[in-house]
Amino acid sequence: VPDGWDDHPCSYLLFASQYEDVAAEARERGLRVAHLPGEHLHQIID
C-alpha cells in the first residue's frame, strides 16, 4: 500500500452484520460509516 493512500476522505458502507468488525476498524481509522441493512452484494439487490 503506497504512503498517502488514505489522505483523502474515505467511507465504508456496511450491509451485513458479519462485516461489523470491518466497519469498527473503519470507524477507528476515522472513516465515515453508514449501515444499509442487507446481505453480501446488497448493491445488486437494492
All heavy atoms as atom14 arrays in JSON, in Angstrom:
{
  "sequence": "VPDGWDDHPCSYLLFASQYEDVAAEARERGLRVAHLPGEHLHQIID",
  "atom14_mask": [
    [1, 1, 1, 1, 1, 1, 1, 0, 0, 0, 0, 0, 0, 0],
    [1, 1, 1, 1, 1, 1, 1, 0, 0, 0, 0, 0, 0, 0],
    [1, 1, 1, 1, 1, 1, 1, 1, 0, 0, 0, 0, 0, 0],
    [1, 1, 1, 1, 0, 0, 0, 0, 0, 0, 0, 0, 0, 0],
    [1, 1, 1, 1, 1, 1, 1, 1, 1, 1, 1, 1, 1, 1],
    [1, 1, 1, 1, 1, 1, 1, 1, 0, 0, 0, 0, 0, 0],
    [1, 1, 1, 1, 1, 1, 1, 1, 0, 0, 0, 0, 0, 0],
    [1, 1, 1, 1, 1, 1, 1, 1, 1, 1, 0, 0, 0, 0],
    [1, 1, 1, 1, 1, 1, 1, 0, 0, 0, 0, 0, 0, 0],
    [1, 1, 1, 1, 1, 1, 0, 0, 0, 0, 0, 0, 0, 0],
    [1, 1, 1, 1, 1, 1, 0, 0, 0, 0, 0, 0, 0, 0],
    [1, 1, 1, 1, 1, 1, 1, 1, 1, 1, 1, 1, 0, 0],
    [1, 1, 1, 1, 1, 1, 1, 1, 0, 0, 0, 0, 0, 0],
    [1, 1, 1, 1, 1, 1, 1, 1, 0, 0, 0, 0, 0, 0],
    [1, 1, 1, 1, 1, 1, 1, 1, 1, 1, 1, 0, 0, 0],
    [1, 1, 1, 1, 1, 0, 0, 0, 0, 0, 0, 0, 0, 0],
    [1, 1, 1, 1, 1, 1, 0, 0, 0, 0, 0, 0, 0, 0],
    [1, 1, 1, 1, 1, 1, 1, 1, 1, 0, 0, 0, 0, 0],
    [1, 1, 1, 1, 1, 1, 1, 1, 1, 1, 1, 1, 0, 0],
    [1, 1, 1, 1, 1, 1, 1, 1, 1, 0, 0, 0, 0, 0],
    [1, 1, 1, 1, 1, 1, 1, 1, 0, 0, 0, 0, 0, 0],
    [1, 1, 1, 1, 1, 1, 1, 0, 0, 0, 0, 0, 0, 0],
    [1, 1, 1, 1, 1, 0, 0, 0, 0, 0, 0, 0, 0, 0],
    [1, 1, 1, 1, 1, 0, 0, 0, 0, 0, 0, 0, 0, 0],
    [1, 1, 1, 1, 1, 1, 1, 1, 1, 0, 0, 0, 0, 0],
    [1, 1, 1, 1, 1, 0, 0, 0, 0, 0, 0, 0, 0, 0],
    [1, 1, 1, 1, 1, 1, 1, 1, 1, 1, 1, 0, 0, 0],
    [1, 1, 1, 1, 1, 1, 1, 1, 1, 0, 0, 0, 0, 0],
    [1, 1, 1, 1, 1, 1, 1, 1, 1, 1, 1, 0, 0, 0],
    [1, 1, 1, 1, 0, 0, 0, 0, 0, 0, 0, 0, 0, 0],
    [1, 1, 1, 1, 1, 1, 1, 1, 0, 0, 0, 0, 0, 0],
    [1, 1, 1, 1, 1, 1, 1, 1, 1, 1, 1, 0, 0, 0],
    [1, 1, 1, 1, 1, 1, 1, 0, 0, 0, 0, 0, 0, 0],
    [1, 1, 1, 1, 1, 0, 0, 0, 0, 0, 0, 0, 0, 0],
    [1, 1, 1, 1, 1, 1, 1, 1, 1, 1, 0, 0, 0, 0],
    [1, 1, 1, 1, 1, 1, 1, 1, 0, 0, 0, 0, 0, 0],
    [1, 1, 1, 1, 1, 1, 1, 0, 0, 0, 0, 0, 0, 0],
    [1, 1, 1, 1, 0, 0, 0, 0, 0, 0, 0, 0, 0, 0],
    [1, 1, 1, 1, 1, 1, 1, 1, 1, 0, 0, 0, 0, 0],
    [1, 1, 1, 1, 1, 1, 1, 1, 1, 1, 0, 0, 0, 0],
    [1, 1, 1, 1, 1, 1, 1, 1, 0, 0, 0, 0, 0, 0],
    [1, 1, 1, 1, 1, 1, 1, 1, 1, 1, 0, 0, 0, 0],
    [1, 1, 1, 1, 1, 1, 1, 1, 1, 0, 0, 0, 0, 0],
    [1, 1, 1, 1, 1, 1, 1, 1, 0, 0, 0, 0, 0, 0],
    [1, 1, 1, 1, 1, 1, 1, 1, 0, 0, 0, 0, 0, 0],
    [1, 1, 1, 1, 1, 1, 1, 1, 0, 0, 0, 0, 0, 0]
  ],
  "atom14_positions": [
    [[0.86, -1.18, 0.0], [0.0, 0.0, 0.0], [0.9, 1.23, 0.0], [1.73, 1.39, 0.89], [-0.92, 0.0, 1.23], [-1.79, 1.24, 1.27], [-1.78, -1.26, 1.27], [0.0, 0.0, 0.0], [0.0, 0.0, 0.0], [0.0, 0.0, 0.0], [0.0, 0.0, 0.0], [0.0, 0.0, 0.0], [0.0, 0.0, 0.0], [0.0, 0.0, 0.0]],
    [[0.76, 2.09, -0.98], [1.62, 3.27, -1.04], [1.31, 4.27, 0.07], [0.17, 4.39, 0.52], [1.31, 3.87, -2.42], [-0.03, 3.34, -2.78], [-0.18, 2.02, -2.09], [0.0, 0.0, 0.0], [0.0, 0.0, 0.0], [0.0, 0.0, 0.0], [0.0, 0.0, 0.0], [0.0, 0.0, 0.0], [0.0, 0.0, 0.0], [0.0, 0.0, 0.0]],
    [[2.35, 4.98, 0.52], [2.16, 6.03, 1.51], [1.16, 7.06, 0.97], [1.17, 7.38, -0.22], [3.48, 6.73, 1.81], [4.44, 5.84, 2.59], [3.97, 4.89, 3.24], [5.67, 6.1, 2.52], [0.0, 0.0, 0.0], [0.0, 0.0, 0.0], [0.0, 0.0, 0.0], [0.0, 0.0, 0.0], [0.0, 0.0, 0.0], [0.0, 0.0, 0.0]],
    [[0.33, 7.55, 1.86], [-0.61, 8.6, 1.49], [-1.87, 8.13, 0.81], [-2.69, 8.95, 0.4], [0.0, 0.0, 0.0], [0.0, 0.0, 0.0], [0.0, 0.0, 0.0], [0.0, 0.0, 0.0], [0.0, 0.0, 0.0], [0.0, 0.0, 0.0], [0.0, 0.0, 0.0], [0.0, 0.0, 0.0], [0.0, 0.0, 0.0], [0.0, 0.0, 0.0]],
    [[-2.06, 6.81, 0.71], [-3.26, 6.32, 0.02], [-4.53, 6.79, 0.71], [-5.56, 6.94, 0.07], [-3.26, 4.79, -0.06], [-3.57, 4.14, 1.25], [-2.69, 3.76, 2.21], [-4.86, 3.81, 1.78], [-3.33, 3.23, 3.29], [-4.68, 3.25, 3.05], [-6.16, 3.96, 1.29], [-5.74, 2.83, 3.84], [-7.22, 3.53, 2.09], [-6.99, 2.97, 3.35]],
    [[-4.43, 7.03, 2.0], [-5.63, 7.39, 2.77], [-5.67, 8.87, 3.14], [-6.29, 9.25, 4.12], [-5.75, 6.52, 4.01], [-4.55, 6.64, 4.93], [-3.56, 7.3, 4.55], [-4.61, 6.09, 6.05], [0.0, 0.0, 0.0], [0.0, 0.0, 0.0], [0.0, 0.0, 0.0], [0.0, 0.0, 0.0], [0.0, 0.0, 0.0], [0.0, 0.0, 0.0]],
    [[-5.05, 9.72, 2.32], [-5.07, 11.15, 2.64], [-6.32, 11.84, 2.1], [-6.48, 13.04, 2.25], [-3.81, 11.84, 2.13], [-3.68, 11.83, 0.61], [-4.49, 11.16, -0.06], [-2.75, 12.46, 0.1], [0.0, 0.0, 0.0], [0.0, 0.0, 0.0], [0.0, 0.0, 0.0], [0.0, 0.0, 0.0], [0.0, 0.0, 0.0], [0.0, 0.0, 0.0]],
    [[-7.22, 11.09, 1.5], [-8.5, 11.61, 1.03], [-9.6, 11.07, 1.94], [-9.47, 9.97, 2.49], [-8.78, 11.16, -0.4], [-7.86, 11.76, -1.42], [-6.5, 11.65, -1.35], [-8.11, 12.49, -2.51], [-5.96, 12.27, -2.37], [-6.92, 12.8, -3.09], [0.0, 0.0, 0.0], [0.0, 0.0, 0.0], [0.0, 0.0, 0.0], [0.0, 0.0, 0.0]],
    [[-10.69, 11.8, 2.08], [-11.79, 11.28, 2.89], [-12.29, 9.94, 2.33], [-12.43, 9.78, 1.12], [-12.88, 12.35, 2.75], [-12.16, 13.58, 2.31], [-10.98, 13.12, 1.52], [0.0, 0.0, 0.0], [0.0, 0.0, 0.0], [0.0, 0.0, 0.0], [0.0, 0.0, 0.0], [0.0, 0.0, 0.0], [0.0, 0.0, 0.0], [0.0, 0.0, 0.0]],
    [[-12.48, 9.0, 3.22], [-12.95, 7.66, 2.83], [-14.19, 7.3, 3.64], [-14.42, 7.85, 4.71], [-11.86, 6.62, 3.07], [-10.36, 6.88, 2.12], [0.0, 0.0, 0.0], [0.0, 0.0, 0.0], [0.0, 0.0, 0.0], [0.0, 0.0, 0.0], [0.0, 0.0, 0.0], [0.0, 0.0, 0.0], [0.0, 0.0, 0.0], [0.0, 0.0, 0.0]],
    [[-14.95, 6.34, 3.14], [-16.17, 5.89, 3.81], [-16.3, 4.38, 3.67], [-15.65, 3.77, 2.82], [-17.4, 6.54, 3.18], [-17.32, 7.94, 3.26], [0.0, 0.0, 0.0], [0.0, 0.0, 0.0], [0.0, 0.0, 0.0], [0.0, 0.0, 0.0], [0.0, 0.0, 0.0], [0.0, 0.0, 0.0], [0.0, 0.0, 0.0], [0.0, 0.0, 0.0]],
    [[-17.17, 3.82, 4.51], [-17.46, 2.39, 4.46], [-18.96, 2.23, 4.58], [-19.58, 2.75, 5.5], [-16.75, 1.66, 5.61], [-16.94, 0.17, 5.57], [-16.14, -0.64, 4.77], [-17.94, -0.44, 6.32], [-16.32, -2.01, 4.73], [-18.12, -1.8, 6.29], [-17.32, -2.58, 5.49], [-17.5, -3.94, 5.44], [0.0, 0.0, 0.0], [0.0, 0.0, 0.0]],
    [[-19.54, 1.51, 3.64], [-20.98, 1.22, 3.68], [-21.17, -0.23, 4.08], [-20.79, -1.15, 3.35], [-21.63, 1.5, 2.32], [-23.14, 1.25, 2.22], [-23.9, 2.01, 3.29], [-23.64, 1.62, 0.83], [0.0, 0.0, 0.0], [0.0, 0.0, 0.0], [0.0, 0.0, 0.0], [0.0, 0.0, 0.0], [0.0, 0.0, 0.0], [0.0, 0.0, 0.0]],
    [[-21.71, -0.42, 5.26], [-21.92, -1.74, 5.84], [-23.29, -2.27, 5.42], [-24.29, -1.58, 5.56], [-21.85, -1.64, 7.37], [-22.25, -2.86, 8.18], [-21.25, -3.99, 7.96], [-22.34, -2.49, 9.66], [0.0, 0.0, 0.0], [0.0, 0.0, 0.0], [0.0, 0.0, 0.0], [0.0, 0.0, 0.0], [0.0, 0.0, 0.0], [0.0, 0.0, 0.0]],
    [[-23.31, -3.48, 4.9], [-24.57, -4.14, 4.57], [-24.93, -5.18, 5.63], [-25.98, -5.12, 6.24], [-24.48, -4.87, 3.22], [-24.3, -3.96, 2.04], [-23.33, -4.25, 1.08], [-25.07, -2.84, 1.84], [-23.15, -3.43, -0.02], [-24.91, -2.01, 0.75], [-23.95, -2.32, -0.2], [0.0, 0.0, 0.0], [0.0, 0.0, 0.0], [0.0, 0.0, 0.0]],
    [[-24.06, -6.14, 5.84], [-24.38, -7.31, 6.66], [-23.61, -7.3, 7.98], [-22.47, -6.85, 8.04], [-24.07, -8.59, 5.89], [0.0, 0.0, 0.0], [0.0, 0.0, 0.0], [0.0, 0.0, 0.0], [0.0, 0.0, 0.0], [0.0, 0.0, 0.0], [0.0, 0.0, 0.0], [0.0, 0.0, 0.0], [0.0, 0.0, 0.0], [0.0, 0.0, 0.0]],
    [[-24.23, -7.83, 9.01], [-23.64, -7.81, 10.35], [-22.32, -8.58, 10.43], [-21.5, -8.28, 11.28], [-24.63, -8.37, 11.38], [-24.98, -9.7, 11.06], [0.0, 0.0, 0.0], [0.0, 0.0, 0.0], [0.0, 0.0, 0.0], [0.0, 0.0, 0.0], [0.0, 0.0, 0.0], [0.0, 0.0, 0.0], [0.0, 0.0, 0.0], [0.0, 0.0, 0.0]],
    [[-22.1, -9.55, 9.55], [-20.85, -10.29, 9.61], [-19.64, -9.42, 9.26], [-18.51, -9.82, 9.49], [-20.87, -11.56, 8.75], [-21.02, -11.33, 7.28], [-22.44, -11.55, 6.8], [-23.39, -11.24, 7.51], [-22.59, -12.07, 5.61], [0.0, 0.0, 0.0], [0.0, 0.0, 0.0], [0.0, 0.0, 0.0], [0.0, 0.0, 0.0], [0.0, 0.0, 0.0]],
    [[-19.87, -8.21, 8.76], [-18.78, -7.28, 8.45], [-18.67, -6.17, 9.49], [-17.98, -5.17, 9.27], [-18.98, -6.69, 7.05], [-18.93, -7.73, 5.98], [-20.09, -8.19, 5.37], [-17.72, -8.28, 5.58], [-20.06, -9.17, 4.39], [-17.67, -9.26, 4.6], [-18.84, -9.7, 4.02], [-18.8, -10.67, 3.05], [0.0, 0.0, 0.0], [0.0, 0.0, 0.0]],
    [[-19.33, -6.33, 10.62], [-19.3, -5.3, 11.66], [-17.88, -5.06, 12.16], [-17.52, -3.92, 12.48], [-20.22, -5.67, 12.82], [-20.38, -4.58, 13.86], [-20.87, -3.25, 13.31], [-21.93, -3.24, 12.67], [-20.21, -2.22, 13.54], [0.0, 0.0, 0.0], [0.0, 0.0, 0.0], [0.0, 0.0, 0.0], [0.0, 0.0, 0.0], [0.0, 0.0, 0.0]],
    [[-17.04, -6.09, 12.23], [-15.65, -5.9, 12.66], [-14.9, -4.99, 11.69], [-14.1, -4.15, 12.1], [-14.92, -7.24, 12.77], [-15.39, -8.09, 13.93], [-16.13, -7.56, 14.8], [-15.03, -9.27, 13.98], [0.0, 0.0, 0.0], [0.0, 0.0, 0.0], [0.0, 0.0, 0.0], [0.0, 0.0, 0.0], [0.0, 0.0, 0.0], [0.0, 0.0, 0.0]],
    [[-15.16, -5.15, 10.41], [-14.52, -4.3, 9.4], [-15.03, -2.86, 9.55], [-14.25, -1.9, 9.46], [-14.79, -4.84, 7.97], [-14.17, -3.94, 6.93], [-14.28, -6.26, 7.83], [0.0, 0.0, 0.0], [0.0, 0.0, 0.0], [0.0, 0.0, 0.0], [0.0, 0.0, 0.0], [0.0, 0.0, 0.0], [0.0, 0.0, 0.0], [0.0, 0.0, 0.0]],
    [[-16.32, -2.71, 9.79], [-16.88, -1.38, 10.0], [-16.29, -0.73, 11.24], [-15.98, 0.47, 11.23], [-18.41, -1.46, 10.11], [0.0, 0.0, 0.0], [0.0, 0.0, 0.0], [0.0, 0.0, 0.0], [0.0, 0.0, 0.0], [0.0, 0.0, 0.0], [0.0, 0.0, 0.0], [0.0, 0.0, 0.0], [0.0, 0.0, 0.0], [0.0, 0.0, 0.0]],
    [[-16.09, -1.51, 12.3], [-15.48, -0.97, 13.52], [-14.05, -0.51, 13.24], [-13.63, 0.56, 13.72], [-15.51, -2.02, 14.63], [0.0, 0.0, 0.0], [0.0, 0.0, 0.0], [0.0, 0.0, 0.0], [0.0, 0.0, 0.0], [0.0, 0.0, 0.0], [0.0, 0.0, 0.0], [0.0, 0.0, 0.0], [0.0, 0.0, 0.0], [0.0, 0.0, 0.0]],
    [[-13.32, -1.29, 12.48], [-11.96, -0.89, 12.11], [-11.99, 0.4, 11.29], [-11.17, 1.3, 11.49], [-11.27, -1.99, 11.32], [-9.86, -1.65, 10.91], [-9.18, -2.72, 10.08], [-9.62, -3.89, 10.11], [-8.2, -2.37, 9.4], [0.0, 0.0, 0.0], [0.0, 0.0, 0.0], [0.0, 0.0, 0.0], [0.0, 0.0, 0.0], [0.0, 0.0, 0.0]],
    [[-12.95, 0.51, 10.38], [-13.08, 1.72, 9.57], [-13.36, 2.92, 10.47], [-12.76, 3.99, 10.29], [-14.19, 1.55, 8.55], [0.0, 0.0, 0.0], [0.0, 0.0, 0.0], [0.0, 0.0, 0.0], [0.0, 0.0, 0.0], [0.0, 0.0, 0.0], [0.0, 0.0, 0.0], [0.0, 0.0, 0.0], [0.0, 0.0, 0.0], [0.0, 0.0, 0.0]],
    [[-14.24, 2.77, 11.44], [-14.53, 3.86, 12.38], [-13.28, 4.27, 13.15], [-13.0, 5.45, 13.33], [-15.63, 3.44, 13.36], [-17.01, 3.42, 12.8], [-18.05, 3.09, 13.88], [-19.3, 2.71, 13.28], [-19.69, 1.45, 13.06], [-18.92, 0.43, 13.43], [-20.84, 1.19, 12.5], [0.0, 0.0, 0.0], [0.0, 0.0, 0.0], [0.0, 0.0, 0.0]],
    [[-12.52, 3.26, 13.62], [-11.29, 3.52, 14.37], [-10.29, 4.3, 13.53], [-9.51, 5.1, 14.05], [-10.66, 2.22, 14.85], [-11.42, 1.53, 15.95], [-10.88, 0.15, 16.27], [-9.76, -0.19, 15.82], [-11.59, -0.6, 16.97], [0.0, 0.0, 0.0], [0.0, 0.0, 0.0], [0.0, 0.0, 0.0], [0.0, 0.0, 0.0], [0.0, 0.0, 0.0]],
    [[-10.31, 4.08, 12.22], [-9.38, 4.77, 11.32], [-9.91, 6.14, 10.9], [-9.27, 6.85, 10.14], [-9.14, 3.91, 10.1], [-8.46, 2.59, 10.45], [-8.18, 1.78, 9.24], [-7.04, 2.4, 8.57], [-6.42, 1.86, 7.55], [-6.81, 0.71, 7.08], [-5.41, 2.47, 7.0], [0.0, 0.0, 0.0], [0.0, 0.0, 0.0], [0.0, 0.0, 0.0]],
    [[-11.1, 6.5, 11.39], [-11.65, 7.8, 11.09], [-12.52, 7.86, 9.85], [-12.88, 8.94, 9.39], [0.0, 0.0, 0.0], [0.0, 0.0, 0.0], [0.0, 0.0, 0.0], [0.0, 0.0, 0.0], [0.0, 0.0, 0.0], [0.0, 0.0, 0.0], [0.0, 0.0, 0.0], [0.0, 0.0, 0.0], [0.0, 0.0, 0.0], [0.0, 0.0, 0.0]],
    [[-12.84, 6.71, 9.28], [-13.71, 6.69, 8.11], [-15.15, 6.9, 8.53], [-15.56, 6.51, 9.62], [-13.59, 5.36, 7.36], [-12.44, 5.18, 6.4], [-11.11, 5.18, 7.12], [-12.61, 3.9, 5.6], [0.0, 0.0, 0.0], [0.0, 0.0, 0.0], [0.0, 0.0, 0.0], [0.0, 0.0, 0.0], [0.0, 0.0, 0.0], [0.0, 0.0, 0.0]],
    [[-15.92, 7.52, 7.64], [-17.36, 7.62, 7.86], [-17.95, 6.24, 7.58], [-17.57, 5.59, 6.61], [-17.96, 8.65, 6.92], [-17.47, 10.06, 7.19], [-17.99, 11.01, 6.14], [-17.5, 10.63, 4.82], [-16.56, 11.29, 4.15], [-16.01, 12.35, 4.66], [-16.16, 10.87, 2.97], [0.0, 0.0, 0.0], [0.0, 0.0, 0.0], [0.0, 0.0, 0.0]],
    [[-18.88, 5.81, 8.41], [-19.51, 4.5, 8.24], [-21.02, 4.69, 8.24], [-21.57, 5.39, 9.09], [-19.09, 3.52, 9.36], [-19.83, 2.19, 9.23], [-17.59, 3.3, 9.35], [0.0, 0.0, 0.0], [0.0, 0.0, 0.0], [0.0, 0.0, 0.0], [0.0, 0.0, 0.0], [0.0, 0.0, 0.0], [0.0, 0.0, 0.0], [0.0, 0.0, 0.0]],
    [[-21.67, 4.07, 7.26], [-23.13, 4.05, 7.21], [-23.57, 2.59, 7.13], [-22.81, 1.73, 6.69], [-23.64, 4.82, 6.01], [0.0, 0.0, 0.0], [0.0, 0.0, 0.0], [0.0, 0.0, 0.0], [0.0, 0.0, 0.0], [0.0, 0.0, 0.0], [0.0, 0.0, 0.0], [0.0, 0.0, 0.0], [0.0, 0.0, 0.0], [0.0, 0.0, 0.0]],
    [[-24.79, 2.32, 7.56], [-25.31, 0.95, 7.55], [-26.59, 0.9, 6.73], [-27.55, 1.62, 7.02], [-25.57, 0.48, 8.98], [-26.05, -0.93, 9.05], [-26.89, -1.36, 10.04], [-25.8, -2.0, 8.27], [-27.15, -2.65, 9.85], [-26.5, -3.05, 8.79], [0.0, 0.0, 0.0], [0.0, 0.0, 0.0], [0.0, 0.0, 0.0], [0.0, 0.0, 0.0]],
    [[-26.58, 0.07, 5.72], [-27.77, -0.22, 4.92], [-28.06, -1.69, 5.15], [-27.34, -2.55, 4.62], [-27.52, 0.07, 3.44], [-28.62, -0.33, 2.46], [-29.93, 0.38, 2.8], [-28.19, 0.0, 1.03], [0.0, 0.0, 0.0], [0.0, 0.0, 0.0], [0.0, 0.0, 0.0], [0.0, 0.0, 0.0], [0.0, 0.0, 0.0], [0.0, 0.0, 0.0]],
    [[-29.03, -2.03, 5.98], [-29.28, -3.43, 6.29], [-29.49, -4.27, 5.03], [-30.28, -3.91, 4.16], [-30.54, -3.4, 7.15], [-30.53, -2.03, 7.75], [-29.96, -1.14, 6.68], [0.0, 0.0, 0.0], [0.0, 0.0, 0.0], [0.0, 0.0, 0.0], [0.0, 0.0, 0.0], [0.0, 0.0, 0.0], [0.0, 0.0, 0.0], [0.0, 0.0, 0.0]],
    [[-28.74, -5.34, 4.94], [-28.82, -6.22, 3.79], [-27.85, -7.36, 3.95], [-27.42, -7.68, 5.05], [0.0, 0.0, 0.0], [0.0, 0.0, 0.0], [0.0, 0.0, 0.0], [0.0, 0.0, 0.0], [0.0, 0.0, 0.0], [0.0, 0.0, 0.0], [0.0, 0.0, 0.0], [0.0, 0.0, 0.0], [0.0, 0.0, 0.0], [0.0, 0.0, 0.0]],
    [[-27.47, -7.95, 2.84], [-26.53, -9.07, 2.84], [-25.37, -8.74, 1.91], [-25.34, -7.7, 1.27], [-27.25, -10.35, 2.4], [-28.32, -10.82, 3.35], [-27.81, -11.12, 4.75], [-26.67, -11.59, 4.9], [-28.55, -10.85, 5.71], [0.0, 0.0, 0.0], [0.0, 0.0, 0.0], [0.0, 0.0, 0.0], [0.0, 0.0, 0.0], [0.0, 0.0, 0.0]],
    [[-24.43, -9.67, 1.82], [-23.28, -9.52, 0.93], [-23.79, -9.25, -0.49], [-24.74, -9.87, -0.94], [-22.44, -10.8, 0.97], [-21.19, -10.72, 0.2], [-20.13, -9.93, 0.58], [-20.81, -11.33, -0.94], [-19.16, -10.05, -0.3], [-19.53, -10.89, -1.23], [0.0, 0.0, 0.0], [0.0, 0.0, 0.0], [0.0, 0.0, 0.0], [0.0, 0.0, 0.0]],
    [[-23.18, -8.29, -1.17], [-23.57, -7.88, -2.52], [-24.98, -7.27, -2.57], [-25.68, -7.36, -3.57], [-23.45, -9.02, -3.53], [-22.04, -9.6, -3.72], [-22.07, -10.78, -4.69], [-21.09, -8.54, -4.21], [0.0, 0.0, 0.0], [0.0, 0.0, 0.0], [0.0, 0.0, 0.0], [0.0, 0.0, 0.0], [0.0, 0.0, 0.0], [0.0, 0.0, 0.0]],
    [[-25.37, -6.62, -1.49], [-26.69, -6.0, -1.42], [-26.88, -4.93, -2.49], [-28.0, -4.64, -2.9], [-26.92, -5.4, -0.03], [-28.3, -4.9, 0.19], [-29.37, -5.76, 0.35], [-28.8, -3.65, 0.25], [-30.46, -5.05, 0.51], [-30.15, -3.77, 0.45], [0.0, 0.0, 0.0], [0.0, 0.0, 0.0], [0.0, 0.0, 0.0], [0.0, 0.0, 0.0]],
    [[-25.77, -4.37, -2.99], [-25.86, -3.35, -4.03], [-26.53, -3.88, -5.3], [-27.08, -3.1, -6.08], [-24.48, -2.76, -4.36], [-23.51, -3.71, -5.02], [-22.69, -4.53, -4.04], [-23.07, -4.73, -2.9], [-21.56, -5.03, -4.51], [0.0, 0.0, 0.0], [0.0, 0.0, 0.0], [0.0, 0.0, 0.0], [0.0, 0.0, 0.0], [0.0, 0.0, 0.0]],
    [[-26.52, -5.17, -5.48], [-27.19, -5.77, -6.64], [-28.7, -5.84, -6.4], [-29.5, -5.64, -7.32], [-26.63, -7.18, -6.93], [-25.15, -7.06, -7.33], [-27.43, -7.9, -7.99], [-24.42, -8.38, -7.38], [0.0, 0.0, 0.0], [0.0, 0.0, 0.0], [0.0, 0.0, 0.0], [0.0, 0.0, 0.0], [0.0, 0.0, 0.0], [0.0, 0.0, 0.0]],
    [[-29.08, -6.09, -5.16], [-30.49, -6.23, -4.81], [-31.17, -4.87, -4.71], [-32.31, -4.7, -5.11], [-30.63, -6.99, -3.47], [-30.1, -8.41, -3.65], [-32.07, -7.0, -2.97], [-29.88, -9.13, -2.35], [0.0, 0.0, 0.0], [0.0, 0.0, 0.0], [0.0, 0.0, 0.0], [0.0, 0.0, 0.0], [0.0, 0.0, 0.0], [0.0, 0.0, 0.0]],
    [[-30.44, -3.89, -4.17], [-31.03, -2.57, -3.94], [-30.07, -1.47, -4.39], [-29.52, -0.72, -3.57], [-31.36, -2.43, -2.45], [-32.27, -1.26, -2.15], [-32.6, -0.49, -3.09], [-32.66, -1.11, -0.98], [0.0, 0.0, 0.0], [0.0, 0.0, 0.0], [0.0, 0.0, 0.0], [0.0, 0.0, 0.0], [0.0, 0.0, 0.0], [0.0, 0.0, 0.0]]
  ]
}
